């Protein structure tokens, strides 16, 4: 139970920090930074199928 709460807080703190930084009224261009980047799908390599033939 504690590990899930710890994981949520570890993930939530950077998100809260990013939201507070991006909500500064001085810079209206920060809305572009908050958009999700689709490049995350490119980072994952394609699954390689390895055919293992049993040796009799």
C-alpha atoms as a PDB file:
ATOM      1  CA  UNK A   1       0.000   0.000   0.000  1.00  0.00           C
ATOM      2  CA  UNK A   2       2.807   2.382   0.835  1.00  0.00           C
ATOM      3  CA  UNK A   3       4.669   1.600  -2.376  1.00  0.00           C
ATOM      4  CA  UNK A   4       1.696   2.610  -4.535  1.00  0.00           C
ATOM      5  CA  UNK A   5       1.280   5.882  -2.655  1.00  0.00           C
ATOM      6  CA  UNK A   6       5.009   6.524  -2.923  1.00  0.00           C
ATOM      7  CA  UNK A   7       4.918   5.842  -6.664  1.00  0.00           C
ATOM      8  CA  UNK A   8       1.950   8.179  -7.117  1.00  0.00           C
ATOM      9  CA  UNK A   9       3.676  10.940  -5.175  1.00  0.00           C
ATOM     10  CA  UNK A  10       6.913  10.477  -7.111  1.00  0.00           C
ATOM     11  CA  UNK A  11       5.004  10.714 -10.394  1.00  0.00           C
ATOM     12  CA  UNK A  12       2.734  13.504  -9.162  1.00  0.00           C
ATOM     13  CA  UNK A  13       5.386  15.867  -7.846  1.00  0.00           C
ATOM     14  CA  UNK A  14       7.062  16.534 -11.223  1.00  0.00           C
ATOM     15  CA  UNK A  15       3.621  16.944 -12.811  1.00  0.00           C
ATOM     16  CA  UNK A  16       2.625  19.473 -10.165  1.00  0.00           C
ATOM     17  CA  UNK A  17       5.922  21.291 -10.586  1.00  0.00           C
ATOM     18  CA  UNK A  18       5.506  21.350 -14.370  1.00  0.00           C
ATOM     19  CA  UNK A  19       1.954  22.664 -14.082  1.00  0.00           C
ATOM     20  CA  UNK A  20       2.939  25.463 -11.725  1.00  0.00           C
ATOM     21  CA  UNK A  21       5.861  26.455 -13.946  1.00  0.00           C
ATOM     22  CA  UNK A  22       3.778  26.379 -17.141  1.00  0.00           C
ATOM     23  CA  UNK A  23       0.959  28.439 -15.621  1.00  0.00           C
ATOM     24  CA  UNK A  24       3.060  31.598 -15.386  1.00  0.00           C
ATOM     25  CA  UNK A  25       1.071  34.471 -16.960  1.00  0.00           C
ATOM     26  CA  UNK A  26       4.268  36.116 -18.228  1.00  0.00           C
ATOM     27  CA  UNK A  27       4.872  33.525 -20.934  1.00  0.00           C
ATOM     28  CA  UNK A  28       1.827  32.646 -23.092  1.00  0.00           C
ATOM     29  CA  UNK A  29       3.976  30.332 -25.238  1.00  0.00           C
ATOM     30  CA  UNK A  30       4.186  27.687 -22.504  1.00  0.00           C
ATOM     31  CA  UNK A  31       0.969  26.086 -23.795  1.00  0.00           C
ATOM     32  CA  UNK A  32       3.026  24.493 -26.566  1.00  0.00           C
ATOM     33  CA  UNK A  33       5.220  22.748 -23.994  1.00  0.00           C
ATOM     34  CA  UNK A  34       2.249  21.132 -22.258  1.00  0.00           C
ATOM     35  CA  UNK A  35       1.172  19.256 -25.392  1.00  0.00           C
ATOM     36  CA  UNK A  36       1.951  15.509 -25.319  1.00  0.00           C
ATOM     37  CA  UNK A  37       4.737  14.480 -27.639  1.00  0.00           C
ATOM     38  CA  UNK A  38       3.971  11.543 -29.989  1.00  0.00           C
ATOM     39  CA  UNK A  39       7.685  10.729 -30.228  1.00  0.00           C
ATOM     40  CA  UNK A  40       7.341   8.385 -27.240  1.00  0.00           C
ATOM     41  CA  UNK A  41       6.047   5.676 -29.580  1.00  0.00           C
ATOM     42  CA  UNK A  42       9.207   5.913 -31.690  1.00  0.00           C
ATOM     43  CA  UNK A  43      11.436   5.204 -28.680  1.00  0.00           C
ATOM     44  CA  UNK A  44       9.995   1.719 -28.200  1.00  0.00           C
ATOM     45  CA  UNK A  45      11.798  -0.754 -30.490  1.00  0.00           C
ATOM     46  CA  UNK A  46       9.706  -3.190 -32.564  1.00  0.00           C
ATOM     47  CA  UNK A  47       9.369  -6.678 -31.052  1.00  0.00           C
ATOM     48  CA  UNK A  48      11.743  -9.130 -32.679  1.00  0.00           C
ATOM     49  CA  UNK A  49      10.407 -12.629 -33.190  1.00  0.00           C
ATOM     50  CA  UNK A  50      13.104 -15.170 -32.482  1.00  0.00           C
ATOM     51  CA  UNK A  51      12.315 -18.608 -33.861  1.00  0.00           C
ATOM     52  CA  UNK A  52      13.848 -21.296 -31.669  1.00  0.00           C
ATOM     53  CA  UNK A  53      14.108 -24.677 -33.340  1.00  0.00           C
ATOM     54  CA  UNK A  54      14.418 -27.562 -30.875  1.00  0.00           C
ATOM     55  CA  UNK A  55      17.410 -29.814 -31.501  1.00  0.00           C
ATOM     56  CA  UNK A  56      16.425 -33.468 -31.445  1.00  0.00           C
END
